[in-house]
Amino acid sequence: MVPGEYSGLERLNIPVVIPVDSDVQHADVEALITLLSGRLEEAIKSMSAYMPGRVYCFLDDSNECHHAQPPDSRSTFAGYRPNGTPHWESFTNVCIARQDPRVDRIYGDSPEIIAIVQHADELKDGLMAGFGKASLTWDVLGQVIVGLVPVSLDVRDRDSDRVALTVQLVMTRHPKDGPRLRLNLIGLTAQHIAEVAAMSNGRGPAESFRRTWRTSRQRVGTLEARLRNAEQRGDYIDVVELTHSFLVRLRGDIERVFRPLKRRTNHAQQRHEGGSRPTGHALNDAKNVGLDKVLMDTLRDTVVVLGRKGRAHIFNRDGRHVTSLILGPGELERKIERKRWKSMSTAAADTFIRSLK
């Protein structure tokens, strides 16, 4: 059976409690029928709510109306309007509204691809209670929007049409099995990505993106199992934190797909040619630094270690050295003020430093 397709052969378990010590009056029967009808309708809708490349429209109670898909290739899902209709916005306008400092790079001489994490509160904030605010039919937990991506998946291809990608983490609720998590890809199809990857003979960003998509879906399966097991045991699980960690990791994975093909900026090229990059000090600084000098880059989800003489060393979460740089006057303060870099907890910083040693 295709995921999300409703089969009439499936059994729906709908629990209903009727007090045995009370007389069932006519009004009680009507209330029971209303309850059963409502739960049955919600259960059936939740099983068919997911359709790849579309979102759910609560106003039309459907994912097949014209609201459910972007109006053009450069639009991304920007949340819900109060009446439950999906709101679509151009990727560029979303970047401008968020005051993302990288927006000018999208249209540079060598266009860059950037990715942004958006959480559920940002996407569902305007919804009214009666229009999907607490719906179990379709719940978008968050998303990563990416743009602008060449259809050829090769950033060097100046002639390729460019599109905005929306990668959503969506939860529906199966009446028998509990919560179901899915990755919803809007803008390009998984089949298109696989076909382009096949033409590249297993090399290049298309193949890397195909692998990222496959790995991310496997991670979603693991998250779904954790949610179901927690519900069965009656344990609490922080879905918001779970979602945040997944989306930040997905954003980093997607950006890394295209990063090897980016040309150096003029500043980076000058540093490279001048040999002034302080990479040789990275491990020594990191092993001898105070825990208050270990920060987290909230945009890249990397670890920043502040060394001596204005040095800053960037590591990934696994302790691999990514790059090093010399901070200019006031640069550290600006990054902290903009909350690009923020302090790590003492325990997290200590664990990271110990991993290096």
Protein backbone atom coordinates (compact mmCIF):
# COMPACT_ATOMS: atom_id res chain seq x y z
CA MET A 1 0.00 0.00 0.00
CA VAL A 2 1.27 3.49 -0.85
CA PRO A 3 2.12 5.46 2.34
CA GLY A 4 -0.77 7.67 3.32
CA GLU A 5 -3.29 5.75 1.19
CA TYR A 6 -6.39 4.59 3.03
CA SER A 7 -7.32 0.95 2.73
CA GLY A 8 -10.82 -0.08 3.72
CA LEU A 9 -9.41 -3.42 4.91
CA GLU A 10 -7.58 -1.80 7.82
CA ARG A 11 -9.17 -2.01 11.23
CA LEU A 12 -9.77 1.24 13.11
CA ASN A 13 -9.59 0.93 16.89
CA ILE A 14 -11.60 3.80 18.36
CA PRO A 15 -11.90 3.66 22.17
CA VAL A 16 -15.22 4.80 23.63
CA VAL A 17 -16.08 4.67 27.33
CA ILE A 18 -19.73 4.21 28.43
CA PRO A 19 -20.48 4.23 32.20
CA VAL A 20 -22.22 0.94 33.07
CA ASP A 21 -24.11 2.37 36.03
CA SER A 22 -26.02 5.00 34.05
CA ASP A 23 -29.13 4.85 31.92
CA VAL A 24 -28.39 5.37 28.28
CA GLN A 25 -30.90 7.99 27.20
CA HIS A 26 -31.71 9.12 23.68
CA ALA A 27 -29.48 12.18 24.07
CA ASP A 28 -26.63 9.92 25.17
CA VAL A 29 -27.00 7.81 22.03
CA GLU A 30 -26.89 10.91 19.84
CA ALA A 31 -23.79 12.14 21.64
CA LEU A 32 -22.18 8.72 21.21
CA ILE A 33 -22.93 8.69 17.49
CA THR A 34 -21.50 12.20 17.15
CA LEU A 35 -18.36 11.16 19.02
CA LEU A 36 -17.91 8.04 16.90
CA SER A 37 -18.50 9.93 13.66
CA GLY A 38 -16.00 12.62 14.59
CA ARG A 39 -13.30 10.15 15.56
CA LEU A 40 -13.91 8.01 12.49
CA GLU A 41 -13.68 11.04 10.20
CA GLU A 42 -10.47 12.23 11.89
CA ALA A 43 -8.96 8.75 11.66
CA ILE A 44 -9.72 8.36 7.96
CA LYS A 45 -8.47 11.86 7.15
CA SER A 46 -5.22 11.32 9.03
CA MET A 47 -4.51 8.20 6.96
CA SER A 48 -4.83 10.09 3.68
CA ALA A 49 -3.55 13.53 4.74
CA TYR A 50 -0.01 12.99 3.49
CA MET A 51 0.60 13.54 -0.21
CA PRO A 52 4.20 14.10 -1.37
CA GLY A 53 4.85 17.60 -2.63
CA ARG A 54 1.74 19.08 -1.01
CA VAL A 55 0.63 20.43 2.36
CA TYR A 56 -2.75 20.07 4.04
CA CYS A 57 -5.32 22.86 3.65
CA PHE A 58 -7.53 23.04 6.74
CA LEU A 59 -9.98 25.44 5.13
CA ASP A 60 -10.83 23.03 2.31
CA ASP A 61 -10.06 19.99 4.47
CA SER A 62 -7.96 18.59 1.67
CA ASN A 63 -4.48 18.29 0.20
CA GLU A 64 -5.81 18.36 -3.36
CA CYS A 65 -7.03 21.95 -3.57
CA HIS A 66 -5.02 24.70 -5.28
CA HIS A 67 -3.91 26.04 -1.86
CA ALA A 68 -2.00 22.82 -1.15
CA GLN A 69 0.88 23.39 -3.57
CA PRO A 70 3.18 26.34 -4.33
CA PRO A 71 2.02 28.77 -7.03
CA ASP A 72 5.45 28.77 -8.70
CA SER A 73 8.81 27.03 -8.50
CA ARG A 74 10.49 29.67 -6.32
CA SER A 75 7.86 29.75 -3.60
CA THR A 76 8.17 27.97 -0.29
CA PHE A 77 5.69 27.14 2.44
CA ALA A 78 5.63 30.11 4.80
CA GLY A 79 3.05 28.91 7.32
CA TYR A 80 -0.71 29.00 7.72
CA ARG A 81 -3.10 31.89 7.54
CA PRO A 82 -5.63 32.20 10.42
CA ASN A 83 -8.36 30.44 8.41
CA GLY A 84 -6.19 27.37 7.80
CA THR A 85 -5.08 28.03 4.23
CA PRO A 86 -1.39 27.45 3.43
CA HIS A 87 0.59 30.63 2.80
CA TRP A 88 3.26 30.52 0.10
CA GLU A 89 6.03 33.09 -0.24
CA SER A 90 9.04 33.46 -2.51
CA PHE A 91 12.23 32.12 -0.97
CA THR A 92 13.90 35.50 -1.40
CA ASN A 93 11.10 37.33 0.42
CA VAL A 94 11.32 34.87 3.31
CA CYS A 95 15.04 35.57 3.61
CA ILE A 96 14.44 39.34 3.51
CA ALA A 97 11.67 39.14 6.13
CA ARG A 98 14.01 37.19 8.43
CA GLN A 99 16.81 39.70 7.73
CA ASP A 100 19.11 36.86 6.74
CA PRO A 101 22.50 38.44 5.93
CA ARG A 102 23.16 35.84 3.22
CA VAL A 103 20.28 36.83 0.96
CA ASP A 104 22.53 38.82 -1.40
CA ARG A 105 24.58 35.70 -2.11
CA ILE A 106 21.65 34.03 -3.86
CA TYR A 107 22.02 36.34 -6.85
CA GLY A 108 25.80 36.86 -6.82
CA ASP A 109 28.14 36.17 -9.71
CA SER A 110 28.56 32.70 -8.25
CA PRO A 111 25.13 32.10 -6.67
CA GLU A 112 25.22 30.28 -3.35
CA ILE A 113 22.62 27.93 -1.93
CA ILE A 114 21.50 28.63 1.62
CA ALA A 115 19.26 26.68 3.98
CA ILE A 116 17.04 27.96 6.81
CA VAL A 117 15.37 26.08 9.67
CA GLN A 118 11.79 27.00 10.57
CA HIS A 119 9.98 25.49 13.55
CA ALA A 120 6.32 24.70 14.14
CA ASP A 121 5.61 27.81 16.22
CA GLU A 122 6.70 30.01 13.32
CA LEU A 123 4.62 28.08 10.78
CA LYS A 124 1.43 27.65 12.82
CA ASP A 125 1.44 30.77 14.97
CA GLY A 126 -1.44 32.46 13.15
CA LEU A 127 -3.79 29.48 13.05
CA MET A 128 -7.12 29.79 14.85
CA ALA A 129 -8.23 26.97 17.13
CA GLY A 130 -10.99 25.77 14.83
CA PHE A 131 -8.80 25.73 11.72
CA GLY A 132 -6.14 23.13 12.37
CA LYS A 133 -4.39 24.63 15.40
CA ALA A 134 -4.47 21.34 17.29
CA SER A 135 -5.24 18.97 14.43
CA LEU A 136 -4.07 15.37 14.55
CA THR A 137 -4.78 14.99 10.83
CA TRP A 138 -1.66 16.88 9.78
CA ASP A 139 0.95 18.48 12.00
CA VAL A 140 3.99 20.15 10.45
CA LEU A 141 6.70 19.94 13.12
CA GLY A 142 9.18 22.10 11.24
CA GLN A 143 11.00 22.41 7.97
CA VAL A 144 14.21 23.33 6.19
CA ILE A 145 13.84 25.67 3.22
CA VAL A 146 16.64 25.70 0.65
CA GLY A 147 17.30 28.05 -2.22
CA LEU A 148 17.77 28.64 -4.88
CA VAL A 149 18.65 25.18 -6.17
CA PRO A 150 19.44 24.49 -9.84
CA VAL A 151 17.15 21.85 -11.29
CA SER A 152 20.33 20.19 -12.55
CA LEU A 153 21.60 20.15 -8.92
CA ASP A 154 24.90 21.61 -10.13
CA VAL A 155 25.60 25.08 -8.70
CA ARG A 156 28.04 25.75 -11.56
CA ASP A 157 25.20 25.44 -14.07
CA ARG A 158 24.34 29.07 -14.87
CA ASP A 159 21.67 28.09 -17.43
CA SER A 160 19.63 25.81 -15.18
CA ASP A 161 16.28 26.95 -13.80
CA ARG A 162 16.39 27.44 -10.05
CA VAL A 163 13.79 26.36 -7.54
CA ALA A 164 13.08 26.65 -3.83
CA LEU A 165 13.06 23.40 -1.87
CA THR A 166 10.92 22.86 1.21
CA VAL A 167 11.76 19.79 3.30
CA GLN A 168 9.14 19.29 5.99
CA LEU A 169 8.98 16.97 8.98
CA VAL A 170 5.29 16.06 9.19
CA MET A 171 3.38 14.05 11.77
CA THR A 172 0.05 12.37 11.15
CA ARG A 173 -1.65 10.02 13.56
CA HIS A 174 -2.60 6.50 12.60
CA PRO A 175 -5.56 5.22 14.64
CA LYS A 176 -3.92 1.85 15.19
CA ASP A 177 -0.17 2.45 15.17
CA GLY A 178 0.01 5.92 16.69
CA PRO A 179 2.14 8.82 15.37
CA ARG A 180 3.61 8.62 11.90
CA LEU A 181 6.51 10.83 10.81
CA ARG A 182 7.34 11.60 7.21
CA LEU A 183 9.67 13.83 5.23
CA ASN A 184 7.74 15.89 2.71
CA LEU A 185 9.79 17.26 -0.21
CA ILE A 186 8.30 20.22 -2.09
CA GLY A 187 9.92 21.83 -5.13
CA LEU A 188 11.62 18.76 -6.61
CA THR A 189 10.62 15.13 -6.42
CA ALA A 190 12.70 12.30 -5.00
CA GLN A 191 12.42 10.61 -8.39
CA HIS A 192 13.91 13.64 -10.15
CA ILE A 193 16.83 13.68 -7.71
CA ALA A 194 17.44 9.96 -8.25
CA GLU A 195 17.37 10.37 -12.04
CA VAL A 196 19.84 13.27 -12.02
CA ALA A 197 22.09 11.32 -9.63
CA ALA A 198 22.01 8.32 -11.96
CA MET A 199 23.13 10.50 -14.89
CA SER A 200 26.07 11.78 -12.84
CA ASN A 201 27.49 8.24 -12.50
CA GLY A 202 27.36 8.35 -8.71
CA ARG A 203 29.32 11.56 -8.35
CA GLY A 204 28.61 15.20 -7.63
CA PRO A 205 25.97 17.01 -5.59
CA ALA A 206 23.03 15.11 -7.11
CA GLU A 207 24.31 11.81 -5.76
CA SER A 208 25.21 13.44 -2.44
CA PHE A 209 21.74 14.90 -2.16
CA ARG A 210 20.17 11.53 -2.98
CA ARG A 211 22.16 9.92 -0.18
CA THR A 212 21.27 12.75 2.21
CA TRP A 213 17.59 12.27 1.42
CA ARG A 214 17.81 8.53 1.98
CA THR A 215 19.72 8.90 5.26
CA SER A 216 17.32 11.57 6.52
CA ARG A 217 14.33 9.32 5.87
CA GLN A 218 16.02 6.56 7.85
CA ARG A 219 16.53 8.98 10.75
CA VAL A 220 12.85 9.91 10.58
CA GLY A 221 12.00 6.22 10.90
CA THR A 222 14.11 6.04 14.06
CA LEU A 223 12.41 9.14 15.50
CA GLU A 224 9.00 7.67 14.75
CA ALA A 225 9.87 4.46 16.59
CA ARG A 226 11.01 6.49 19.61
CA LEU A 227 7.74 8.44 19.66
CA ARG A 228 5.61 5.32 19.41
CA ASN A 229 7.53 3.47 22.10
CA ALA A 230 7.34 6.47 24.43
CA GLU A 231 3.56 6.71 23.96
CA GLN A 232 3.10 3.00 24.60
CA ARG A 233 5.10 3.25 27.83
CA GLY A 234 3.41 6.48 28.84
CA ASP A 235 6.75 8.29 28.91
CA TYR A 236 7.18 11.98 28.12
CA ILE A 237 9.28 12.88 25.13
CA ASP A 238 10.15 16.42 24.08
CA VAL A 239 9.00 16.52 20.45
CA VAL A 240 10.15 20.14 20.05
CA GLU A 241 13.73 19.35 21.07
CA LEU A 242 13.70 16.16 19.01
CA THR A 243 12.54 18.10 15.97
CA HIS A 244 15.06 20.90 16.48
CA SER A 245 18.02 18.54 16.59
CA PHE A 246 16.85 16.73 13.46
CA LEU A 247 16.22 19.89 11.44
CA VAL A 248 19.52 21.53 12.37
CA ARG A 249 21.37 18.40 11.34
CA LEU A 250 19.40 18.20 8.09
CA ARG A 251 20.20 21.83 7.28
CA GLY A 252 23.90 21.19 7.78
CA ASP A 253 23.79 18.05 5.64
CA ILE A 254 22.05 19.87 2.79
CA GLU A 255 24.44 22.83 2.87
CA ARG A 256 27.42 20.46 2.83
CA VAL A 257 26.06 18.83 -0.33
CA PHE A 258 26.70 22.01 -2.27
CA ARG A 259 29.59 23.51 -0.28
CA PRO A 260 32.46 21.71 -2.05
CA LEU A 261 31.50 23.41 -5.30
CA LYS A 262 31.47 26.94 -3.91
CA ARG A 263 34.30 29.23 -4.88
CA ARG A 264 36.31 30.95 -2.18
CA THR A 265 35.28 34.46 -1.26
CA ASN A 266 37.89 37.16 -1.90
CA HIS A 267 38.63 37.38 1.81
CA ALA A 268 39.09 33.62 2.11
CA GLN A 269 41.26 33.56 -0.99
CA GLN A 270 43.50 36.27 0.46
CA ARG A 271 43.85 34.36 3.70
CA HIS A 272 44.66 31.21 1.80
CA GLU A 273 47.31 32.86 -0.36
CA GLY A 274 48.79 34.77 2.57
CA GLY A 275 49.13 31.68 4.72
CA SER A 276 47.65 33.50 7.72
CA ARG A 277 45.03 30.88 8.59
CA PRO A 278 45.80 29.74 12.15
CA THR A 279 44.91 26.09 11.55
CA GLY A 280 48.09 24.83 13.18
CA HIS A 281 46.98 26.18 16.57
CA ALA A 282 43.55 24.52 16.49
CA LEU A 283 44.07 21.43 18.62
CA ASN A 284 46.54 23.07 20.99
CA ASP A 285 44.16 25.97 21.66
CA ALA A 286 41.18 23.66 22.04
CA LYS A 287 42.89 21.34 24.53
CA ASN A 288 44.03 24.18 26.76
CA VAL A 289 41.06 26.52 26.57
CA GLY A 290 38.69 27.38 29.40
CA LEU A 291 35.15 26.02 29.12
CA ASP A 292 33.79 29.56 28.87
CA LYS A 293 35.66 29.89 25.56
CA VAL A 294 33.68 27.08 23.92
CA LEU A 295 30.69 28.41 21.97
CA MET A 296 28.07 27.05 19.61
CA ASP A 297 27.42 28.42 16.13
CA THR A 298 23.61 28.40 15.97
CA LEU A 299 23.55 28.78 12.20
CA ARG A 300 26.00 26.04 11.25
CA ASP A 301 25.49 23.80 14.32
CA THR A 302 29.24 23.71 14.86
CA VAL A 303 31.48 24.28 17.88
CA VAL A 304 33.61 27.42 18.12
CA VAL A 305 36.73 27.42 20.29
CA LEU A 306 38.20 30.83 21.07
CA GLY A 307 41.98 30.70 21.18
CA ARG A 308 44.66 33.30 21.92
CA LYS A 309 45.36 36.42 19.84
CA GLY A 310 41.89 36.56 18.31
CA ARG A 311 41.99 33.03 16.93
CA ALA A 312 38.73 31.11 16.49
CA HIS A 313 38.65 27.43 15.57
CA ILE A 314 35.56 25.75 14.13
CA PHE A 315 34.87 22.06 14.77
CA ASN A 316 31.93 19.86 13.88
CA ARG A 317 30.07 18.03 16.62
CA ASP A 318 32.25 14.96 16.19
CA GLY A 319 35.42 16.93 16.88
CA ARG A 320 36.67 17.21 13.32
CA HIS A 321 38.42 20.50 12.62
CA VAL A 322 36.54 22.47 9.94
CA THR A 323 38.41 25.77 9.69
CA SER A 324 40.17 28.50 11.67
CA LEU A 325 40.13 32.26 11.39
CA ILE A 326 41.37 35.47 12.98
CA LEU A 327 38.55 37.59 14.39
CA GLY A 328 38.56 41.25 13.50
CA PRO A 329 37.98 44.02 16.06
CA GLY A 330 34.49 43.72 17.55
CA GLU A 331 33.63 40.67 15.43
CA LEU A 332 33.20 38.36 18.43
CA GLU A 333 30.91 40.82 20.18
CA ARG A 334 28.78 41.25 17.04
CA LYS A 335 28.35 37.51 16.60
CA ILE A 336 27.30 37.10 20.23
CA GLU A 337 24.98 40.10 20.10
CA ARG A 338 23.26 38.73 16.99
CA LYS A 339 23.07 35.34 18.76
CA ARG A 340 25.00 33.71 15.94
CA TRP A 341 27.41 32.40 18.57
CA LYS A 342 26.23 31.53 22.05
CA SER A 343 27.70 29.85 25.11
CA MET A 344 27.48 26.11 25.53
CA SER A 345 26.54 24.55 28.83
CA THR A 346 29.49 23.67 31.04
CA ALA A 347 28.71 19.96 30.74
CA ALA A 348 28.46 20.07 26.93
CA ALA A 349 31.67 22.10 26.62
CA ASP A 350 33.54 19.75 28.95
CA THR A 351 32.33 16.70 27.00
CA PHE A 352 33.48 18.24 23.74
CA ILE A 353 36.96 19.17 25.04
CA ARG A 354 37.39 15.71 26.55
CA SER A 355 36.53 14.16 23.19
CA LEU A 356 39.45 16.05 21.61
CA LYS A 357 41.85 14.80 24.26
